[in-house]
Amino acid sequence: MELKAAFAGLSARFPGLRLAADPAGLRFEQHVLTRPLGALPVTW
């Protein structure tokens, strides 16, 4: 839920922000409680 708010705020602040990688290539870390992205490459 918090990430939705963060990404909404980022997109409002930086309207040209775009993903700089193929979404299929994004890798998730393996943690017990969460599965965060290892990296989120962006460009604007």
C-alpha atoms as a PDB file:
ATOM      1  CA  MET A   1       0.000   0.000   0.000  1.00  0.00           C
ATOM      2  CA  GLU A   2       2.778   2.448   0.872  1.00  0.00           C
ATOM      3  CA  LEU A   3       4.507   1.788  -2.454  1.00  0.00           C
ATOM      4  CA  LYS A   4       1.363   2.740  -4.351  1.00  0.00           C
ATOM      5  CA  ALA A   5       1.384   6.117  -2.605  1.00  0.00           C
ATOM      6  CA  ALA A   6       5.121   6.544  -3.193  1.00  0.00           C
ATOM      7  CA  PHE A   7       4.887   5.749  -6.903  1.00  0.00           C
ATOM      8  CA  ALA A   8       1.883   8.039  -7.298  1.00  0.00           C
ATOM      9  CA  GLY A   9       3.856  10.853  -5.661  1.00  0.00           C
ATOM     10  CA  LEU A  10       6.903  10.199  -7.828  1.00  0.00           C
ATOM     11  CA  SER A  11       4.876  10.175 -11.028  1.00  0.00           C
ATOM     12  CA  ALA A  12       3.230  13.473 -10.061  1.00  0.00           C
ATOM     13  CA  ARG A  13       6.583  15.053  -9.187  1.00  0.00           C
ATOM     14  CA  PHE A  14       8.435  13.632 -12.223  1.00  0.00           C
ATOM     15  CA  PRO A  15       5.870  13.203 -15.024  1.00  0.00           C
ATOM     16  CA  GLY A  16       8.544  12.002 -17.479  1.00  0.00           C
ATOM     17  CA  LEU A  17       9.717   9.167 -15.212  1.00  0.00           C
ATOM     18  CA  ARG A  18       9.831   5.885 -17.147  1.00  0.00           C
ATOM     19  CA  LEU A  19      11.045   2.364 -16.531  1.00  0.00           C
ATOM     20  CA  ALA A  20      14.494   1.946 -18.122  1.00  0.00           C
ATOM     21  CA  ALA A  21      14.457  -1.850 -18.327  1.00  0.00           C
ATOM     22  CA  ASP A  22      12.320  -4.637 -19.671  1.00  0.00           C
ATOM     23  CA  PRO A  23       9.716  -5.427 -16.971  1.00  0.00           C
ATOM     24  CA  ALA A  24      10.315  -9.158 -17.538  1.00  0.00           C
ATOM     25  CA  GLY A  25      13.947  -8.650 -16.519  1.00  0.00           C
ATOM     26  CA  LEU A  26      13.191  -7.163 -13.100  1.00  0.00           C
ATOM     27  CA  ARG A  27      14.311  -9.465 -10.308  1.00  0.00           C
ATOM     28  CA  PHE A  28      12.831  -9.770  -6.853  1.00  0.00           C
ATOM     29  CA  GLU A  29      14.882 -10.507  -3.751  1.00  0.00           C
ATOM     30  CA  GLN A  30      13.825 -13.489  -1.655  1.00  0.00           C
ATOM     31  CA  HIS A  31      13.022 -12.399   1.903  1.00  0.00           C
ATOM     32  CA  VAL A  32      10.850 -14.036   4.508  1.00  0.00           C
ATOM     33  CA  LEU A  33       8.210 -11.300   4.767  1.00  0.00           C
ATOM     34  CA  THR A  34       8.649  -9.228   1.648  1.00  0.00           C
ATOM     35  CA  ARG A  35       9.830  -9.613  -1.948  1.00  0.00           C
ATOM     36  CA  PRO A  36      11.436  -6.263  -2.773  1.00  0.00           C
ATOM     37  CA  LEU A  37      12.854  -5.459  -6.176  1.00  0.00           C
ATOM     38  CA  GLY A  38      16.621  -5.830  -6.346  1.00  0.00           C
ATOM     39  CA  ALA A  39      16.764  -2.678  -8.495  1.00  0.00           C
ATOM     40  CA  LEU A  40      14.318  -0.384 -10.254  1.00  0.00           C
ATOM     41  CA  PRO A  41      16.102   1.348 -13.143  1.00  0.00           C
ATOM     42  CA  VAL A  42      14.305   4.491 -14.294  1.00  0.00           C
ATOM     43  CA  THR A  43      14.922   7.377 -16.661  1.00  0.00           C
ATOM     44  CA  TRP A  44      13.269  10.751 -17.260  1.00  0.00           C
END
